[in-house]
């Protein structure tokens, strides 16, 4: 009887493991992500063609390049998607390779840390500030949108963030 109960438990766990709430994507590869901060837009690109576009919210101090940890700015420049988090506090998230050596040098010249943990992530939680541009420097989209972005964008994809 004990063996039967264990076998049922194992089969049940295997069944749960095969269930996935993640979307899949089989279209053209996203070769680049572009963010236009002034327009509050994110574009998923295949070559020179925009496959999808999204409205975004940015850091709480959206104008200007990120200089140091805690400044509330979203970085500008060329970075890469360097990690994926399916269990983010913000639904799902894609890590951005900030800070690079130049970012560290700029922050260090001001006697500050460059910080880190910059992501494209899902929407606001009940505890987050209200109003536009509420993140600490990340790029936020709606939860249903990060599901699609998460399925489409691979680790290593370049992301260009423009003023």
N, C-alpha and C. Protein backbone atom coordinates (compact mmCIF):
# COMPACT_ATOMS: atom_id res chain seq x y z
N UNK A 1 0.82 -1.20 0.00
CA UNK A 1 0.00 0.00 0.00
C UNK A 1 0.86 1.26 0.00
N UNK A 2 1.91 1.24 0.81
CA UNK A 2 2.81 2.37 0.90
C UNK A 2 3.46 2.65 -0.45
N UNK A 3 3.86 1.61 -1.16
CA UNK A 3 4.48 1.76 -2.49
C UNK A 3 3.47 2.35 -3.46
N UNK A 4 2.23 1.91 -3.40
CA UNK A 4 1.19 2.42 -4.28
C UNK A 4 0.98 3.92 -4.06
N UNK A 5 0.95 4.36 -2.80
CA UNK A 5 0.77 5.77 -2.48
C UNK A 5 1.95 6.58 -3.02
N UNK A 6 3.16 6.07 -2.87
CA UNK A 6 4.35 6.77 -3.38
C UNK A 6 4.30 6.87 -4.91
N UNK A 7 3.88 5.79 -5.58
CA UNK A 7 3.81 5.80 -7.04
C UNK A 7 2.78 6.82 -7.52
N UNK A 8 1.64 6.89 -6.86
CA UNK A 8 0.61 7.87 -7.23
C UNK A 8 1.15 9.30 -7.03
N UNK A 9 1.87 9.52 -5.95
CA UNK A 9 2.45 10.84 -5.68
C UNK A 9 3.46 11.23 -6.76
N UNK A 10 4.33 10.29 -7.14
CA UNK A 10 5.33 10.55 -8.18
C UNK A 10 4.66 10.85 -9.51
N UNK A 11 3.68 10.07 -9.89
CA UNK A 11 2.96 10.30 -11.15
C UNK A 11 2.28 11.68 -11.12
N UNK A 12 1.69 12.03 -10.00
CA UNK A 12 1.05 13.34 -9.87
C UNK A 12 2.04 14.48 -10.02
N UNK A 13 3.20 14.34 -9.38
CA UNK A 13 4.23 15.38 -9.50
C UNK A 13 4.76 15.48 -10.92
N UNK A 14 4.95 14.37 -11.59
CA UNK A 14 5.39 14.40 -12.98
C UNK A 14 4.35 15.09 -13.86
N UNK A 15 3.11 14.85 -13.59
CA UNK A 15 2.04 15.51 -14.35
C UNK A 15 2.07 17.01 -14.14
N UNK A 16 2.30 17.46 -12.91
CA UNK A 16 2.39 18.89 -12.65
C UNK A 16 3.61 19.50 -13.32
N UNK A 17 4.70 18.76 -13.33
CA UNK A 17 5.93 19.27 -13.95
C UNK A 17 5.75 19.48 -15.44
N UNK A 18 4.91 18.65 -16.07
CA UNK A 18 4.74 18.79 -17.51
C UNK A 18 3.79 19.94 -17.87
N UNK A 19 3.02 20.44 -16.89
CA UNK A 19 2.13 21.57 -17.14
C UNK A 19 2.97 22.85 -17.12
N UNK A 20 2.73 23.73 -18.07
CA UNK A 20 3.47 24.97 -18.10
C UNK A 20 2.53 26.12 -18.37
N UNK A 21 2.71 27.20 -17.64
CA UNK A 21 1.91 28.39 -17.88
C UNK A 21 2.65 29.36 -18.78
N UNK A 22 3.86 29.02 -19.19
CA UNK A 22 4.62 29.90 -20.06
C UNK A 22 4.16 29.78 -21.49
N UNK A 23 4.12 30.94 -22.17
CA UNK A 23 3.79 30.94 -23.59
C UNK A 23 4.97 30.41 -24.38
N UNK A 24 4.69 29.93 -25.58
CA UNK A 24 5.75 29.54 -26.50
C UNK A 24 5.68 30.45 -27.72
N UNK A 25 6.79 30.60 -28.40
CA UNK A 25 6.85 31.47 -29.57
C UNK A 25 7.63 30.74 -30.65
N UNK A 26 7.05 30.70 -31.84
CA UNK A 26 7.70 30.00 -32.95
C UNK A 26 7.86 30.90 -34.18
N UNK A 27 7.76 32.21 -33.99
CA UNK A 27 7.88 33.16 -35.11
C UNK A 27 9.33 33.54 -35.37
N UNK A 28 9.53 34.62 -36.12
CA UNK A 28 10.89 35.08 -36.42
C UNK A 28 11.64 35.44 -35.14
N UNK A 29 12.92 35.15 -35.12
CA UNK A 29 13.74 35.42 -33.93
C UNK A 29 13.81 36.91 -33.65
N UNK A 30 13.73 37.26 -32.37
CA UNK A 30 13.97 38.64 -31.96
C UNK A 30 15.48 38.82 -31.94
N UNK A 31 15.98 39.69 -32.82
CA UNK A 31 17.42 39.90 -32.93
C UNK A 31 17.90 41.12 -32.15
N UNK A 32 16.95 41.94 -31.68
CA UNK A 32 17.32 43.15 -30.95
C UNK A 32 16.07 43.71 -30.28
N UNK A 33 16.27 44.31 -29.12
CA UNK A 33 15.22 45.03 -28.42
C UNK A 33 15.62 46.50 -28.43
N UNK A 34 14.68 47.37 -28.76
CA UNK A 34 14.92 48.82 -28.75
C UNK A 34 13.95 49.45 -27.77
N UNK A 35 14.47 50.33 -26.91
CA UNK A 35 13.63 51.11 -26.01
C UNK A 35 13.88 52.59 -26.31
N UNK A 36 12.79 53.31 -26.59
CA UNK A 36 12.84 54.76 -26.78
C UNK A 36 12.22 55.39 -25.54
N UNK A 37 13.08 55.88 -24.66
CA UNK A 37 12.60 56.38 -23.37
C UNK A 37 11.63 57.55 -23.54
N UNK A 38 11.96 58.49 -24.38
CA UNK A 38 11.10 59.67 -24.53
C UNK A 38 9.69 59.30 -24.99
N UNK A 39 9.61 58.31 -25.90
CA UNK A 39 8.31 57.87 -26.40
C UNK A 39 7.65 56.82 -25.50
N UNK A 40 8.41 56.31 -24.51
CA UNK A 40 7.91 55.25 -23.63
C UNK A 40 7.48 54.03 -24.45
N UNK A 41 8.36 53.59 -25.36
CA UNK A 41 8.06 52.47 -26.25
C UNK A 41 9.20 51.45 -26.23
N UNK A 42 8.82 50.18 -26.33
CA UNK A 42 9.75 49.07 -26.47
C UNK A 42 9.39 48.35 -27.76
N UNK A 43 10.39 48.06 -28.59
CA UNK A 43 10.19 47.37 -29.85
C UNK A 43 10.98 46.07 -29.85
N UNK A 44 10.34 44.98 -30.27
CA UNK A 44 11.03 43.71 -30.50
C UNK A 44 11.29 43.64 -31.99
N UNK A 45 12.56 43.54 -32.34
CA UNK A 45 12.99 43.64 -33.73
C UNK A 45 13.46 42.29 -34.28
N UNK A 46 13.18 42.08 -35.55
CA UNK A 46 13.79 41.00 -36.33
C UNK A 46 14.49 41.72 -37.48
N UNK A 47 15.80 41.84 -37.39
CA UNK A 47 16.53 42.66 -38.35
C UNK A 47 16.07 44.10 -38.19
N UNK A 48 15.61 44.71 -39.29
CA UNK A 48 15.14 46.09 -39.26
C UNK A 48 13.62 46.20 -39.15
N UNK A 49 12.95 45.09 -38.89
CA UNK A 49 11.49 45.07 -38.83
C UNK A 49 11.02 44.90 -37.39
N UNK A 50 10.12 45.78 -36.98
CA UNK A 50 9.52 45.65 -35.64
C UNK A 50 8.46 44.55 -35.69
N UNK A 51 8.64 43.53 -34.86
CA UNK A 51 7.67 42.44 -34.78
C UNK A 51 6.52 42.84 -33.85
N UNK A 52 6.86 43.47 -32.74
CA UNK A 52 5.88 43.89 -31.73
C UNK A 52 6.37 45.19 -31.11
N UNK A 53 5.44 45.96 -30.57
CA UNK A 53 5.81 47.14 -29.80
C UNK A 53 4.91 47.23 -28.57
N UNK A 54 5.44 47.85 -27.53
CA UNK A 54 4.74 47.94 -26.26
C UNK A 54 4.96 49.32 -25.64
N UNK A 55 3.95 49.82 -24.95
CA UNK A 55 4.12 51.00 -24.11
C UNK A 55 4.83 50.54 -22.84
N UNK A 56 5.73 51.39 -22.31
CA UNK A 56 6.50 51.03 -21.12
C UNK A 56 6.42 52.14 -20.09
N UNK A 57 6.74 51.76 -18.87
CA UNK A 57 6.97 52.71 -17.79
C UNK A 57 8.41 52.52 -17.35
N UNK A 58 9.02 53.61 -16.90
CA UNK A 58 10.46 53.62 -16.60
C UNK A 58 10.70 53.94 -15.13
N UNK A 59 11.97 54.25 -14.85
CA UNK A 59 12.34 54.66 -13.50
C UNK A 59 11.64 55.95 -13.11
N UNK A 60 11.52 56.19 -11.81
CA UNK A 60 10.77 57.34 -11.31
C UNK A 60 11.41 58.68 -11.65
N UNK A 61 12.66 58.69 -12.13
CA UNK A 61 13.33 59.89 -12.62
C UNK A 61 13.76 59.59 -14.06
N UNK A 62 12.82 59.59 -15.00
CA UNK A 62 13.08 59.00 -16.31
C UNK A 62 14.06 59.75 -17.22
N UNK A 63 14.26 61.05 -17.01
CA UNK A 63 15.14 61.79 -17.91
C UNK A 63 16.59 61.62 -17.51
N UNK A 64 17.43 61.38 -18.51
CA UNK A 64 18.86 61.23 -18.28
C UNK A 64 19.26 59.78 -18.09
N UNK A 65 20.55 59.57 -18.22
CA UNK A 65 21.13 58.23 -18.11
C UNK A 65 21.33 57.88 -16.64
N UNK A 66 21.22 56.61 -16.32
CA UNK A 66 21.49 56.14 -14.96
C UNK A 66 22.95 56.42 -14.63
N UNK A 67 23.19 57.03 -13.46
CA UNK A 67 24.56 57.35 -13.04
C UNK A 67 25.02 56.54 -11.84
N UNK A 68 24.08 56.20 -10.96
CA UNK A 68 24.45 55.46 -9.76
C UNK A 68 23.21 54.82 -9.14
N UNK A 69 23.45 53.89 -8.26
CA UNK A 69 22.37 53.19 -7.58
C UNK A 69 21.48 54.18 -6.83
N UNK A 70 20.16 54.00 -7.00
CA UNK A 70 19.21 54.82 -6.27
C UNK A 70 18.81 56.10 -6.96
N UNK A 71 19.35 56.39 -8.16
CA UNK A 71 18.99 57.66 -8.81
C UNK A 71 17.64 57.61 -9.53
N UNK A 72 17.02 56.43 -9.59
CA UNK A 72 15.70 56.30 -10.19
C UNK A 72 15.66 56.39 -11.70
N UNK A 73 16.83 56.34 -12.33
CA UNK A 73 16.89 56.47 -13.78
C UNK A 73 17.04 55.11 -14.45
N UNK A 74 16.53 55.02 -15.66
CA UNK A 74 16.70 53.84 -16.50
C UNK A 74 17.97 54.06 -17.33
N UNK A 75 18.87 53.08 -17.38
CA UNK A 75 20.12 53.29 -18.13
C UNK A 75 19.88 53.51 -19.62
N UNK A 76 20.86 54.11 -20.28
CA UNK A 76 20.85 54.33 -21.71
C UNK A 76 22.11 53.70 -22.29
N UNK A 77 21.98 53.14 -23.49
CA UNK A 77 23.13 52.55 -24.16
C UNK A 77 22.83 51.15 -24.63
N UNK A 78 23.89 50.44 -25.03
CA UNK A 78 23.77 49.07 -25.51
C UNK A 78 24.07 48.12 -24.36
N UNK A 79 23.13 47.23 -24.13
CA UNK A 79 23.26 46.18 -23.13
C UNK A 79 22.80 44.87 -23.76
N UNK A 80 22.72 43.83 -22.96
CA UNK A 80 22.27 42.52 -23.43
C UNK A 80 21.31 41.93 -22.42
N UNK A 81 20.40 41.10 -22.89
CA UNK A 81 19.55 40.34 -21.98
C UNK A 81 20.46 39.25 -21.42
N UNK A 82 20.67 39.27 -20.11
CA UNK A 82 21.67 38.37 -19.53
C UNK A 82 21.11 37.33 -18.56
N UNK A 83 19.80 37.38 -18.29
CA UNK A 83 19.20 36.37 -17.41
C UNK A 83 17.68 36.41 -17.54
N UNK A 84 17.07 35.34 -17.10
CA UNK A 84 15.61 35.20 -17.18
C UNK A 84 15.10 34.75 -15.82
N UNK A 85 14.02 35.35 -15.38
CA UNK A 85 13.45 34.97 -14.09
C UNK A 85 11.95 34.70 -14.27
N UNK A 86 11.56 33.42 -14.30
CA UNK A 86 10.14 33.10 -14.46
C UNK A 86 9.34 33.33 -13.18
N UNK A 87 10.02 33.53 -12.07
CA UNK A 87 9.34 33.70 -10.77
C UNK A 87 9.63 35.06 -10.15
N UNK A 88 9.74 36.07 -10.98
CA UNK A 88 10.06 37.42 -10.52
C UNK A 88 8.98 37.96 -9.59
N UNK A 89 9.36 38.87 -8.72
CA UNK A 89 8.38 39.59 -7.91
C UNK A 89 7.43 40.38 -8.79
N UNK A 90 7.86 40.65 -10.04
CA UNK A 90 7.06 41.40 -11.01
C UNK A 90 6.59 40.47 -12.11
N UNK A 91 6.08 39.34 -11.74
CA UNK A 91 5.50 38.31 -12.62
C UNK A 91 6.59 37.52 -13.34
N UNK A 92 7.18 38.07 -14.37
CA UNK A 92 8.34 37.49 -15.07
C UNK A 92 9.30 38.64 -15.34
N UNK A 93 10.57 38.32 -15.56
CA UNK A 93 11.51 39.40 -15.87
C UNK A 93 12.67 38.90 -16.70
N UNK A 94 13.22 39.83 -17.47
CA UNK A 94 14.41 39.61 -18.28
C UNK A 94 15.48 40.59 -17.80
N UNK A 95 16.61 40.05 -17.36
CA UNK A 95 17.69 40.90 -16.85
C UNK A 95 18.42 41.62 -17.95
N UNK A 96 18.81 42.86 -17.65
CA UNK A 96 19.60 43.69 -18.56
C UNK A 96 21.00 43.78 -17.97
N UNK A 97 22.03 43.69 -18.80
CA UNK A 97 23.41 43.55 -18.35
C UNK A 97 24.02 44.83 -17.75
N UNK A 98 23.21 45.73 -17.27
CA UNK A 98 23.69 46.90 -16.54
C UNK A 98 24.17 46.45 -15.16
N UNK A 99 25.30 46.93 -14.67
CA UNK A 99 26.20 47.93 -15.22
C UNK A 99 27.32 47.30 -16.03
N UNK A 100 27.76 48.02 -17.04
CA UNK A 100 28.94 47.60 -17.78
C UNK A 100 30.15 48.33 -17.18
N UNK A 101 31.37 48.05 -17.66
CA UNK A 101 32.55 48.71 -17.06
C UNK A 101 32.48 50.25 -17.10
N UNK A 102 31.95 50.81 -18.18
CA UNK A 102 31.83 52.27 -18.27
C UNK A 102 30.86 52.80 -17.21
N UNK A 103 29.74 52.10 -17.01
CA UNK A 103 28.78 52.51 -15.98
C UNK A 103 29.43 52.49 -14.60
N UNK A 104 30.21 51.46 -14.32
CA UNK A 104 30.89 51.36 -13.02
C UNK A 104 31.87 52.51 -12.83
N UNK A 105 32.60 52.85 -13.91
CA UNK A 105 33.59 53.93 -13.84
C UNK A 105 32.91 55.27 -13.57
N UNK A 106 31.78 55.53 -14.22
CA UNK A 106 31.05 56.79 -14.01
C UNK A 106 30.58 56.89 -12.57
N UNK A 107 29.98 55.82 -12.06
CA UNK A 107 29.50 55.82 -10.68
C UNK A 107 30.66 55.97 -9.71
N UNK A 108 31.75 55.26 -9.97
CA UNK A 108 32.91 55.31 -9.09
C UNK A 108 33.50 56.72 -9.05
N UNK A 109 33.50 57.43 -10.18
CA UNK A 109 34.03 58.79 -10.23
C UNK A 109 33.22 59.74 -9.34
N UNK A 110 31.99 59.34 -9.03
CA UNK A 110 31.13 60.14 -8.15
C UNK A 110 31.12 59.58 -6.73
N UNK A 111 31.99 58.56 -6.51
CA UNK A 111 32.05 57.96 -5.18
C UNK A 111 30.84 57.11 -4.86
N UNK A 112 30.18 56.58 -5.88
CA UNK A 112 28.94 55.83 -5.69
C UNK A 112 29.06 54.45 -6.33
N UNK A 113 28.11 53.60 -6.00
CA UNK A 113 27.96 52.29 -6.63
C UNK A 113 27.06 52.46 -7.84
N UNK A 114 27.35 51.72 -8.92
CA UNK A 114 26.49 51.77 -10.11
C UNK A 114 25.16 51.08 -9.87
N UNK A 115 25.11 50.19 -8.91
CA UNK A 115 23.88 49.43 -8.67
C UNK A 115 23.79 48.26 -9.63
N UNK A 116 22.58 47.82 -9.88
CA UNK A 116 22.35 46.68 -10.76
C UNK A 116 20.89 46.29 -10.70
N UNK A 117 20.61 45.05 -11.04
CA UNK A 117 19.24 44.53 -11.01
C UNK A 117 18.28 45.37 -11.83
N UNK A 118 18.67 45.67 -13.06
CA UNK A 118 17.80 46.37 -14.00
C UNK A 118 17.16 45.31 -14.90
N UNK A 119 15.84 45.35 -15.03
CA UNK A 119 15.10 44.33 -15.75
C UNK A 119 14.02 44.94 -16.64
N UNK A 120 13.58 44.16 -17.62
CA UNK A 120 12.29 44.35 -18.25
C UNK A 120 11.38 43.42 -17.45
N UNK A 121 10.30 43.96 -16.90
CA UNK A 121 9.46 43.10 -16.06
C UNK A 121 7.99 43.46 -16.20
N UNK A 122 7.18 42.66 -15.52
CA UNK A 122 5.74 42.84 -15.53
C UNK A 122 5.30 44.05 -14.73
N UNK A 123 4.00 44.14 -14.54
CA UNK A 123 3.38 45.32 -13.98
C UNK A 123 3.54 45.52 -12.49
N UNK A 124 3.02 46.61 -12.09
CA UNK A 124 3.08 47.11 -10.72
C UNK A 124 2.37 46.16 -9.75
N UNK A 125 2.91 46.08 -8.55
CA UNK A 125 2.29 45.34 -7.45
C UNK A 125 1.50 46.33 -6.61
N UNK A 126 0.60 45.86 -5.76
CA UNK A 126 -0.17 46.79 -4.92
C UNK A 126 0.71 47.71 -4.07
N UNK A 127 1.90 47.26 -3.69
CA UNK A 127 2.77 48.07 -2.82
C UNK A 127 3.59 49.10 -3.59
N UNK A 128 3.59 49.05 -4.93
CA UNK A 128 4.40 49.96 -5.73
C UNK A 128 3.73 51.33 -5.85
N UNK A 129 4.56 52.37 -6.09
CA UNK A 129 4.00 53.72 -6.22
C UNK A 129 2.99 53.82 -7.35
N UNK A 130 2.04 54.72 -7.20
CA UNK A 130 1.03 54.96 -8.24
C UNK A 130 1.58 56.00 -9.22
N UNK A 131 0.95 56.11 -10.38
CA UNK A 131 1.36 57.10 -11.37
C UNK A 131 2.36 56.53 -12.35
N UNK A 132 2.69 57.31 -13.38
CA UNK A 132 3.61 56.83 -14.41
C UNK A 132 5.05 56.80 -13.90
N UNK A 133 5.87 56.03 -14.59
CA UNK A 133 7.31 55.97 -14.30
C UNK A 133 7.57 55.75 -12.82
N UNK A 134 7.30 54.54 -12.39
CA UNK A 134 7.30 54.19 -10.97
C UNK A 134 8.42 53.24 -10.57
N UNK A 135 9.17 52.68 -11.54
CA UNK A 135 10.18 51.67 -11.17
C UNK A 135 11.42 52.34 -10.59
N UNK A 136 12.34 51.53 -10.11
CA UNK A 136 13.60 52.05 -9.57
C UNK A 136 14.65 52.19 -10.68
N UNK A 137 14.25 52.00 -11.94
CA UNK A 137 15.17 52.10 -13.07
C UNK A 137 14.90 51.03 -14.12
N UNK A 138 13.96 50.15 -13.83
CA UNK A 138 13.61 49.07 -14.75
C UNK A 138 12.67 49.56 -15.84
N UNK A 139 12.34 48.66 -16.75
CA UNK A 139 11.40 48.90 -17.83
C UNK A 139 10.22 47.99 -17.57
N UNK A 140 9.04 48.57 -17.33
CA UNK A 140 7.87 47.78 -16.95
C UNK A 140 6.83 47.78 -18.07
N UNK A 141 6.21 46.61 -18.24
CA UNK A 141 5.08 46.42 -19.15
C UNK A 141 3.99 45.70 -18.35
N UNK A 142 2.84 45.52 -18.95
CA UNK A 142 1.76 44.79 -18.29
C UNK A 142 2.14 43.31 -18.16
N UNK A 143 1.58 42.61 -17.19
CA UNK A 143 1.89 41.19 -16.97
C UNK A 143 1.62 40.35 -18.22
N UNK A 144 0.50 40.58 -18.89
CA UNK A 144 0.19 39.78 -20.09
C UNK A 144 1.23 40.06 -21.19
N UNK A 145 1.80 41.26 -21.21
CA UNK A 145 2.80 41.61 -22.21
C UNK A 145 4.14 40.98 -21.91
N UNK A 146 4.53 40.93 -20.63
CA UNK A 146 5.82 40.29 -20.30
C UNK A 146 5.77 38.81 -20.60
N UNK A 147 4.59 38.21 -20.53
CA UNK A 147 4.46 36.80 -20.92
C UNK A 147 4.93 36.60 -22.37
N UNK A 148 4.45 37.47 -23.26
CA UNK A 148 4.82 37.38 -24.67
C UNK A 148 6.29 37.74 -24.88
N UNK A 149 6.73 38.82 -24.28
CA UNK A 149 8.13 39.25 -24.42
C UNK A 149 9.06 38.15 -23.90
N UNK A 150 8.72 37.58 -22.77
CA UNK A 150 9.53 36.52 -22.15
C UNK A 150 9.66 35.32 -23.10
N UNK A 151 8.58 34.99 -23.81
CA UNK A 151 8.61 33.87 -24.74
C UNK A 151 9.43 34.19 -25.99
N UNK A 152 9.46 35.46 -26.38
CA UNK A 152 10.09 35.84 -27.65
C UNK A 152 11.58 36.17 -27.54
N UNK A 153 12.02 36.71 -26.41
CA UNK A 153 13.38 37.24 -26.29
C UNK A 153 14.27 36.23 -25.60
N UNK A 154 15.40 35.96 -26.19
CA UNK A 154 16.36 34.98 -25.66
C UNK A 154 17.51 35.68 -24.92
N UNK A 155 18.14 34.96 -24.02
CA UNK A 155 19.34 35.43 -23.36
C UNK A 155 20.40 35.72 -24.42
N UNK A 156 21.09 36.83 -24.29
CA UNK A 156 22.12 37.24 -25.25
C UNK A 156 21.62 38.25 -26.27
N UNK A 157 20.32 38.48 -26.32
CA UNK A 157 19.76 39.45 -27.27
C UNK A 157 20.21 40.86 -26.88
N UNK A 158 20.73 41.63 -27.85
CA UNK A 158 21.10 43.03 -27.54
C UNK A 158 19.86 43.87 -27.26
N UNK A 159 20.01 44.82 -26.35
CA UNK A 159 18.97 45.80 -26.07
C UNK A 159 19.61 47.18 -26.13
N UNK A 160 19.05 48.04 -26.97
CA UNK A 160 19.52 49.42 -27.09
C UNK A 160 18.48 50.33 -26.47
N UNK A 161 18.92 51.10 -25.47
CA UNK A 161 18.04 52.00 -24.75
C UNK A 161 18.46 53.42 -25.09
N UNK A 162 17.55 54.14 -25.74
CA UNK A 162 17.82 55.50 -26.21
C UNK A 162 17.11 56.52 -25.32
N UNK A 163 17.68 57.74 -25.23
CA UNK A 163 17.05 58.80 -24.41
C UNK A 163 15.62 59.09 -24.85
